[in-house]
Amino acid sequence: MKQTAAADRTNGFAIASRMNAGRLFTCVNYLFLACAGALCVFPVLHILAVSLSSAGPAAANRVVVWPVDFTFQAYAAVFSRAPFITSFGVSIERTVVGVAVNAALTALMGYPLSKTAKELPGRNLYVWLLVFVMLFNAGLVPTYMLVKNLHLLNTLWALVLPGAVPIFSVILVMNFIKMLPKEIEEAAFIDGASYWMCWRRLILPLSKPVIATIVLFSFVGHWNSWYDGLIYMNDSKLYPLQTYLYTVIQNQDITSLDQAASYAEVNGVTLQSAQIFSGMVPILLMYPFLQKYFTKGIVLGAVKG
């Protein structure tokens, strides 16, 4: 009996020790995630606070995460300048067209590649080529020469077509469709449906989570992209927003001379912060609507290799 009681006490201590270790691990995880979240949120709050502060405190670096001498002067100045509005419009146009092209081509490619090599002859070769292209691209100079020879410079298509097929997204969609029950498609075939009808009437509606994820990826990619605008656009009036903001941050403000008088009361730091935060707003507004699909799409699409 004494041995049994001692064994019970030992097991009790072991269980309590494991529970304490589990609680400690959970606390450390929460603490780590809180610190990581704070590191991500802090720059955004700082930029917002600076943009809403008056010129003096911002110039004296007195603003941290709360506005000092609250004012909307910087935003009034930003939305009164034509280049910002023009580049904002270019970014919206580029994002709408780019996301539509990316989503359509990705969904169309992901479905056939989700089939077996027996159903789609050469399927393994196609997948291998996609992975190869994803790892080894042509490089900047050949890509620029191709875009130039296609007469796409200074057009919207120079920003959209080079990245029209995001390979990672194709693999994500392909793996997601593989996870769908085969019986649904087999039943549709028995009822006389074709592959096109199956894709359009069954696969596409069921793939809503991964399509939403692709839309989010493409939206963020096109909206934040700035380097291609700097390369393919020779006219500054055709710059997308992020390229325009890059020129502002690099002190290459293309309107500083002709509009200097109207911005005399606005500090350069607050003006830049207001432009940067204005560029974040579309992503901040869009993410909550797609977040509910994001986790399911990215997790299910990443299960199979």
Protein backbone atom coordinates (compact mmCIF):
# COMPACT_ATOMS: atom_id res chain seq x y z
CA MET A 1 0.00 0.00 0.00
CA LYS A 2 2.86 2.33 0.93
CA GLN A 3 4.52 1.65 -2.44
CA THR A 4 1.25 2.37 -4.25
CA ALA A 5 0.79 5.66 -2.38
CA ALA A 6 4.37 6.68 -3.14
CA ALA A 7 3.87 5.84 -6.81
CA ASP A 8 0.67 7.91 -6.86
CA ARG A 9 2.47 10.85 -5.29
CA THR A 10 5.28 10.51 -7.84
CA ASN A 11 2.80 10.42 -10.72
CA GLY A 12 0.97 13.40 -9.22
CA PHE A 13 4.20 15.38 -9.01
CA ALA A 14 5.07 14.42 -12.60
CA ILE A 15 1.64 15.51 -13.88
CA ALA A 16 1.82 18.79 -11.92
CA SER A 17 5.34 19.38 -13.22
CA ARG A 18 4.21 18.82 -16.82
CA MET A 19 1.23 21.15 -16.31
CA ASN A 20 3.49 23.85 -14.87
CA ALA A 21 5.92 23.42 -17.77
CA GLY A 22 3.01 23.70 -20.19
CA ARG A 23 1.77 26.90 -18.55
CA LEU A 24 5.29 28.34 -18.57
CA PHE A 25 5.68 27.44 -22.25
CA THR A 26 2.32 29.10 -23.04
CA CYS A 27 3.29 32.24 -21.12
CA VAL A 28 6.64 32.45 -22.92
CA ASN A 29 4.85 31.99 -26.26
CA TYR A 30 2.36 34.75 -25.49
CA LEU A 31 5.16 37.04 -24.31
CA PHE A 32 7.22 36.37 -27.44
CA LEU A 33 4.23 36.92 -29.75
CA ALA A 34 3.29 40.11 -27.89
CA CYS A 35 6.84 41.45 -28.31
CA ALA A 36 6.88 40.49 -32.00
CA GLY A 37 3.48 42.13 -32.51
CA ALA A 38 4.63 45.29 -30.74
CA LEU A 39 7.72 45.45 -32.97
CA CYS A 40 5.46 45.22 -36.05
CA VAL A 41 2.89 47.75 -34.84
CA PHE A 42 5.30 50.32 -33.41
CA PRO A 43 6.60 51.69 -36.77
CA VAL A 44 3.03 52.09 -38.05
CA LEU A 45 1.93 53.95 -34.91
CA HIS A 46 5.04 56.12 -35.04
CA ILE A 47 4.46 57.06 -38.69
CA LEU A 48 0.79 57.83 -37.94
CA ALA A 49 1.70 59.92 -34.88
CA VAL A 50 4.31 61.93 -36.80
CA SER A 51 1.90 62.55 -39.68
CA LEU A 52 -0.70 63.92 -37.24
CA SER A 53 1.76 66.15 -35.35
CA SER A 54 2.68 69.73 -36.07
CA ALA A 55 5.97 70.62 -37.74
CA GLY A 56 7.91 71.70 -34.62
CA PRO A 57 7.63 68.55 -32.46
CA ALA A 58 8.18 66.30 -35.48
CA ALA A 59 11.36 68.17 -36.45
CA ALA A 60 12.59 67.99 -32.85
CA ASN A 61 11.98 64.19 -32.71
CA ARG A 62 9.55 64.61 -29.78
CA VAL A 63 6.91 62.34 -31.33
CA VAL A 64 6.90 58.63 -30.41
CA VAL A 65 3.52 56.88 -30.72
CA TRP A 66 1.17 59.73 -29.82
CA PRO A 67 0.67 62.93 -31.85
CA VAL A 68 2.02 66.18 -30.42
CA ASP A 69 0.04 69.32 -31.31
CA PHE A 70 -2.55 67.31 -33.24
CA THR A 71 -3.19 68.60 -36.78
CA PHE A 72 -4.31 67.37 -40.23
CA GLN A 73 -2.10 69.89 -42.09
CA ALA A 74 0.17 67.21 -43.53
CA TYR A 75 -2.77 65.21 -44.94
CA ALA A 76 -4.33 68.37 -46.38
CA ALA A 77 -1.04 69.10 -48.12
CA VAL A 78 -0.68 65.51 -49.36
CA PHE A 79 -4.12 65.30 -50.91
CA SER A 80 -3.74 68.69 -52.54
CA ARG A 81 -0.70 67.67 -54.60
CA ALA A 82 -1.41 66.36 -58.05
CA PRO A 83 1.53 63.88 -58.31
CA PHE A 84 0.37 62.01 -55.20
CA ILE A 85 -3.19 61.73 -56.53
CA THR A 86 -1.93 60.69 -59.97
CA SER A 87 0.40 58.02 -58.61
CA PHE A 88 -2.38 56.81 -56.28
CA GLY A 89 -4.60 56.34 -59.32
CA VAL A 90 -1.84 54.48 -61.18
CA SER A 91 -1.40 52.14 -58.21
CA ILE A 92 -5.14 51.45 -58.01
CA GLU A 93 -5.28 50.69 -61.73
CA ARG A 94 -2.19 48.50 -61.56
CA THR A 95 -3.47 46.63 -58.51
CA VAL A 96 -6.94 45.96 -59.94
CA VAL A 97 -5.59 44.71 -63.28
CA GLY A 98 -2.67 42.84 -61.71
CA VAL A 99 -4.77 41.05 -59.09
CA ALA A 100 -7.36 40.04 -61.71
CA VAL A 101 -4.66 38.66 -64.04
CA ASN A 102 -2.82 36.87 -61.21
CA ALA A 103 -5.98 35.30 -59.77
CA ALA A 104 -7.33 34.17 -63.15
CA LEU A 105 -4.08 32.62 -64.41
CA THR A 106 -3.28 31.03 -61.06
CA ALA A 107 -6.70 29.40 -60.75
CA LEU A 108 -6.59 28.18 -64.36
CA MET A 109 -3.10 26.68 -63.97
CA GLY A 110 -3.64 25.19 -60.51
CA TYR A 111 -6.55 22.95 -61.54
CA PRO A 112 -4.90 20.91 -64.33
CA LEU A 113 -1.63 20.67 -62.41
CA SER A 114 -3.53 19.14 -59.47
CA LYS A 115 -4.25 16.09 -61.64
CA THR A 116 -2.07 13.00 -61.78
CA ALA A 117 0.46 12.37 -64.53
CA LYS A 118 -1.96 9.78 -65.94
CA GLU A 119 -4.74 12.34 -66.28
CA LEU A 120 -2.45 15.11 -67.57
CA PRO A 121 0.49 13.76 -69.63
CA GLY A 122 3.65 15.75 -68.92
CA ARG A 123 2.28 17.08 -65.65
CA ASN A 124 5.50 16.35 -63.71
CA LEU A 125 7.56 18.16 -66.37
CA TYR A 126 5.33 21.23 -66.16
CA VAL A 127 5.64 21.31 -62.35
CA TRP A 128 9.40 20.87 -62.56
CA LEU A 129 9.66 23.75 -65.04
CA LEU A 130 7.60 25.99 -62.77
CA VAL A 131 9.79 25.22 -59.77
CA PHE A 132 12.93 25.76 -61.86
CA VAL A 133 11.69 29.15 -63.06
CA MET A 134 10.76 30.10 -59.50
CA LEU A 135 14.29 29.37 -58.28
CA PHE A 136 16.25 30.63 -61.30
CA ASN A 137 14.78 33.63 -63.07
CA ALA A 138 16.22 35.40 -66.11
CA GLY A 139 17.54 38.39 -64.20
CA LEU A 140 17.02 42.12 -64.46
CA VAL A 141 18.71 42.93 -67.80
CA PRO A 142 17.09 40.17 -69.92
CA THR A 143 13.71 40.96 -68.40
CA TYR A 144 14.12 44.65 -69.15
CA MET A 145 15.20 43.91 -72.74
CA LEU A 146 12.17 41.66 -73.20
CA VAL A 147 9.77 44.30 -71.89
CA LYS A 148 11.43 46.94 -74.07
CA ASN A 149 11.33 44.82 -77.23
CA LEU A 150 7.65 44.10 -76.61
CA HIS A 151 7.11 47.90 -76.53
CA LEU A 152 5.66 47.73 -73.04
CA LEU A 153 7.77 50.49 -71.49
CA ASN A 154 5.70 53.32 -69.99
CA THR A 155 2.58 51.17 -70.08
CA LEU A 156 0.59 49.49 -67.34
CA TRP A 157 1.39 46.07 -68.79
CA ALA A 158 5.08 46.51 -68.02
CA LEU A 159 4.10 46.39 -64.33
CA VAL A 160 1.61 43.53 -64.67
CA LEU A 161 2.78 41.01 -67.27
CA PRO A 162 6.29 40.15 -65.93
CA GLY A 163 4.69 38.82 -62.74
CA ALA A 164 1.44 37.60 -64.29
CA VAL A 165 1.95 34.00 -63.09
CA PRO A 166 3.17 33.87 -59.47
CA ILE A 167 4.61 30.36 -59.24
CA PHE A 168 4.29 30.09 -55.46
CA SER A 169 0.59 30.90 -55.74
CA VAL A 170 0.14 28.26 -58.47
CA ILE A 171 1.68 25.63 -56.21
CA LEU A 172 -0.54 26.78 -53.34
CA VAL A 173 -3.69 26.47 -55.47
CA MET A 174 -2.56 23.12 -56.90
CA ASN A 175 -2.06 21.65 -53.42
CA PHE A 176 -5.36 23.08 -52.18
CA ILE A 177 -7.32 21.48 -55.02
CA LYS A 178 -5.58 18.15 -54.31
CA MET A 179 -7.09 18.28 -50.82
CA LEU A 180 -10.66 18.46 -52.16
CA PRO A 181 -12.63 15.16 -52.15
CA LYS A 182 -12.26 13.32 -55.46
CA GLU A 183 -15.79 11.94 -55.14
CA ILE A 184 -17.31 15.34 -55.90
CA GLU A 185 -15.58 15.55 -59.26
CA GLU A 186 -16.24 11.87 -60.07
CA ALA A 187 -19.97 12.37 -59.41
CA ALA A 188 -19.96 15.38 -61.73
CA PHE A 189 -18.24 13.37 -64.48
CA ILE A 190 -20.86 10.62 -64.13
CA ASP A 191 -23.54 13.29 -64.61
CA GLY A 192 -21.86 14.33 -67.85
CA ALA A 193 -19.86 17.35 -66.72
CA SER A 194 -16.66 18.28 -68.56
CA TYR A 195 -13.38 19.37 -66.94
CA TRP A 196 -14.22 23.01 -67.72
CA MET A 197 -17.66 22.72 -66.11
CA CYS A 198 -16.17 20.96 -63.07
CA TRP A 199 -13.64 23.74 -62.65
CA ARG A 200 -16.19 26.49 -63.09
CA ARG A 201 -19.13 25.01 -61.15
CA LEU A 202 -17.39 22.94 -58.45
CA ILE A 203 -13.68 23.57 -57.99
CA LEU A 204 -13.75 27.35 -58.22
CA PRO A 205 -16.47 27.85 -55.54
CA LEU A 206 -14.79 25.33 -53.23
CA SER A 207 -11.44 27.08 -53.73
CA LYS A 208 -12.70 30.38 -52.33
CA PRO A 209 -10.28 30.36 -49.33
CA VAL A 210 -7.17 29.84 -51.42
CA ILE A 211 -8.35 32.27 -54.11
CA ALA A 212 -8.88 34.89 -51.39
CA THR A 213 -5.36 34.18 -50.15
CA ILE A 214 -3.96 34.62 -53.66
CA VAL A 215 -5.88 37.87 -54.05
CA LEU A 216 -4.40 39.13 -50.79
CA PHE A 217 -0.86 38.12 -51.81
CA SER A 218 -1.24 39.75 -55.23
CA PHE A 219 -2.84 42.87 -53.78
CA VAL A 220 -0.03 43.41 -51.29
CA GLY A 221 2.62 42.59 -53.91
CA HIS A 222 1.30 44.99 -56.54
CA TRP A 223 0.49 47.75 -54.07
CA ASN A 224 3.89 47.67 -52.37
CA SER A 225 5.99 47.16 -55.50
CA TRP A 226 8.15 50.16 -56.36
CA TYR A 227 11.30 48.94 -58.12
CA ASP A 228 9.64 47.91 -61.39
CA GLY A 229 8.01 51.35 -61.64
CA LEU A 230 11.41 52.95 -61.33
CA ILE A 231 12.81 50.73 -64.11
CA TYR A 232 9.99 50.51 -66.63
CA MET A 233 8.52 54.00 -66.31
CA ASN A 234 10.59 56.77 -67.86
CA ASP A 235 7.93 59.42 -67.16
CA SER A 236 7.50 60.33 -63.49
CA LYS A 237 3.79 60.99 -64.12
CA LEU A 238 3.36 57.24 -64.67
CA TYR A 239 4.97 56.24 -61.38
CA PRO A 240 2.85 54.02 -59.11
CA LEU A 241 2.42 55.29 -55.57
CA GLN A 242 5.28 53.37 -53.95
CA THR A 243 7.74 54.51 -56.62
CA TYR A 244 6.59 58.07 -56.10
CA LEU A 245 7.02 57.69 -52.32
CA TYR A 246 10.50 56.34 -52.92
CA THR A 247 11.42 59.51 -54.79
CA VAL A 248 9.96 61.58 -51.95
CA ILE A 249 11.91 59.68 -49.29
CA GLN A 250 15.07 60.00 -51.39
CA ASN A 251 14.57 63.78 -51.43
CA GLN A 252 13.73 63.73 -55.10
CA ASP A 253 10.35 65.37 -54.66
CA ILE A 254 9.37 66.25 -58.21
CA THR A 255 6.96 68.99 -57.08
CA SER A 256 8.97 70.66 -54.36
CA LEU A 257 9.82 73.71 -56.44
CA ASP A 258 6.47 74.65 -57.91
CA GLN A 259 4.47 73.95 -54.75
CA ALA A 260 6.98 74.94 -52.10
CA ALA A 261 5.03 78.01 -51.08
CA SER A 262 1.85 76.06 -50.33
CA TYR A 263 3.75 73.57 -48.16
CA ALA A 264 5.79 76.13 -46.25
CA GLU A 265 3.90 75.41 -43.03
CA VAL A 266 4.35 71.65 -43.30
CA ASN A 267 7.46 69.91 -42.11
CA GLY A 268 9.09 67.50 -44.56
CA VAL A 269 8.99 64.69 -42.01
CA THR A 270 5.27 65.04 -41.35
CA LEU A 271 4.60 65.31 -45.09
CA GLN A 272 6.53 62.12 -45.83
CA SER A 273 4.84 60.30 -42.94
CA ALA A 274 1.39 61.37 -44.15
CA GLN A 275 2.17 60.09 -47.65
CA ILE A 276 3.56 56.81 -46.37
CA PHE A 277 0.59 56.18 -44.08
CA SER A 278 -1.85 57.10 -46.85
CA GLY A 279 -0.18 54.41 -48.95
CA MET A 280 -0.80 51.82 -46.21
CA VAL A 281 -4.52 52.53 -45.86
CA PRO A 282 -5.82 50.32 -48.73
CA ILE A 283 -4.01 47.26 -47.36
CA LEU A 284 -5.16 48.00 -43.80
CA LEU A 285 -8.74 48.27 -45.06
CA MET A 286 -8.66 45.15 -47.24
CA TYR A 287 -6.94 42.69 -44.89
CA PRO A 288 -9.81 42.29 -42.35
CA PHE A 289 -12.20 41.23 -45.13
CA LEU A 290 -9.86 38.48 -46.38
CA GLN A 291 -8.36 37.43 -43.04
CA LYS A 292 -11.09 34.83 -42.39
CA TYR A 293 -10.10 33.00 -45.60
CA PHE A 294 -6.38 33.56 -45.21
CA THR A 295 -5.54 30.94 -42.54
CA LYS A 296 -7.59 28.14 -44.16
CA GLY A 297 -6.22 28.90 -47.62
CA ILE A 298 -2.57 29.08 -46.66
CA VAL A 299 -2.69 26.04 -44.33
CA LEU A 300 -4.58 23.65 -46.61
CA GLY A 301 -2.60 24.77 -49.65
CA ALA A 302 0.72 24.11 -47.95
CA VAL A 303 -0.01 20.55 -46.76
CA LYS A 304 1.03 18.49 -49.76
CA GLY A 305 4.30 18.76 -51.66
